[in-house]
Protein backbone atom coordinates (compact mmCIF):
# COMPACT_ATOMS: atom_id res chain seq x y z
CA UNK A 1 66.79 -46.88 -34.37
CA UNK A 2 68.72 -48.96 -36.88
CA UNK A 3 65.46 -50.40 -38.21
CA UNK A 4 64.29 -46.89 -39.12
CA UNK A 5 67.56 -46.13 -40.88
CA UNK A 6 67.38 -49.42 -42.79
CA UNK A 7 63.81 -48.64 -43.80
CA UNK A 8 64.80 -45.17 -45.05
CA UNK A 9 67.75 -46.60 -46.99
CA UNK A 10 65.49 -49.21 -48.58
CA UNK A 11 62.98 -46.54 -49.63
CA UNK A 12 65.72 -44.41 -51.16
CA UNK A 13 67.09 -47.39 -53.08
CA UNK A 14 63.60 -48.18 -54.41
CA UNK A 15 63.25 -44.58 -55.59
CA UNK A 16 66.67 -44.77 -57.25
CA UNK A 17 65.71 -48.02 -58.98
CA UNK A 18 62.53 -46.37 -60.26
CA UNK A 19 64.57 -43.48 -61.67
CA UNK A 20 66.87 -45.93 -63.47
CA UNK A 21 63.87 -47.72 -64.98
CA UNK A 22 62.42 -44.37 -66.03
CA UNK A 23 65.71 -43.45 -67.71
CA UNK A 24 65.82 -46.80 -69.52
CA UNK A 25 62.30 -46.26 -70.80
CA UNK A 26 63.24 -42.77 -71.98
CA UNK A 27 66.23 -44.08 -73.92
CA UNK A 28 64.20 -46.85 -75.56
CA UNK A 29 61.33 -44.50 -76.39
CA UNK A 30 63.37 -42.30 -78.71
CA UNK A 31 63.96 -43.61 -82.20
CA UNK A 32 66.88 -42.72 -84.40
CA UNK A 33 64.77 -40.49 -86.64
CA UNK A 34 65.30 -37.36 -84.53
CA UNK A 35 68.20 -35.11 -85.47
CA UNK A 36 70.85 -34.92 -82.74
CA UNK A 37 69.31 -37.75 -80.73
CA UNK A 38 72.57 -38.16 -78.83
CA UNK A 39 71.90 -34.99 -76.85
CA UNK A 40 68.46 -36.21 -75.75
CA UNK A 41 69.92 -39.55 -74.71
CA UNK A 42 72.70 -37.91 -72.73
CA UNK A 43 70.09 -35.81 -70.93
CA UNK A 44 68.07 -38.93 -70.08
CA UNK A 45 71.17 -40.65 -68.74
CA UNK A 46 71.54 -37.71 -66.36
CA UNK A 47 68.50 -39.11 -64.56
CA UNK A 48 70.31 -42.42 -64.12
CA UNK A 49 73.38 -40.53 -62.87
CA UNK A 50 71.26 -38.79 -60.26
CA UNK A 51 69.74 -42.12 -59.22
CA UNK A 52 73.20 -43.62 -58.80
CA UNK A 53 74.36 -40.73 -56.65
CA UNK A 54 71.25 -41.07 -54.47
CA UNK A 55 71.82 -44.82 -54.17
CA UNK A 56 75.47 -44.36 -53.20
CA UNK A 57 74.50 -41.84 -50.54
CA UNK A 58 71.83 -44.21 -49.23
CA UNK A 59 74.40 -47.01 -49.02
CA UNK A 60 76.62 -44.72 -46.94
CA UNK A 61 79.31 -44.29 -49.63
CA UNK A 62 79.74 -40.50 -49.79
CA UNK A 63 83.24 -40.60 -51.28
CA UNK A 64 82.08 -42.61 -54.29
CA UNK A 65 79.01 -40.39 -54.66
CA UNK A 66 81.14 -37.23 -54.72
CA UNK A 67 83.59 -38.77 -57.20
CA UNK A 68 80.75 -39.80 -59.49
CA UNK A 69 79.10 -36.40 -59.08
CA UNK A 70 82.30 -34.75 -60.28
CA UNK A 71 83.27 -37.19 -63.06
CA UNK A 72 79.89 -37.92 -64.71
CA UNK A 73 79.40 -34.43 -66.21
CA UNK A 74 82.91 -34.56 -67.71
CA UNK A 75 82.15 -37.89 -69.38
CA UNK A 76 78.83 -36.61 -70.76
CA UNK A 77 80.55 -33.50 -72.08
CA UNK A 78 83.25 -35.57 -73.76
CA UNK A 79 80.65 -37.76 -75.49
CA UNK A 80 78.63 -34.76 -76.67
CA UNK A 81 81.74 -32.93 -77.80
CA UNK A 82 82.94 -35.96 -79.77
CA UNK A 83 79.56 -36.24 -81.45
CA UNK A 84 79.42 -32.53 -82.24
CA UNK A 85 82.82 -32.52 -83.92
CA UNK A 86 82.03 -35.64 -85.92
CA UNK A 87 84.29 -38.17 -84.28
CA UNK A 88 81.37 -40.58 -84.23
CA UNK A 89 81.56 -40.96 -88.01
CA UNK A 90 85.26 -41.87 -88.12
């Protein structure tokens, strides 16, 4: 039974790694010539956040997954809010 669980955890971690690679490709794909590129990049990093939460759940760390699930949107909002109000330029 433990072999099946290990196999499922391994598959989930491979899927999470693929999502992280996909997010990295998405960030590198966008150039700086698009207006408000920061919002597109924050959206792409949401894919990596989801992959991390999936990986933490697969590694049997639900407390860390819940904490990250709660705190990651606040961090993304703070970055976007700082960019919107021009704190990036200071």
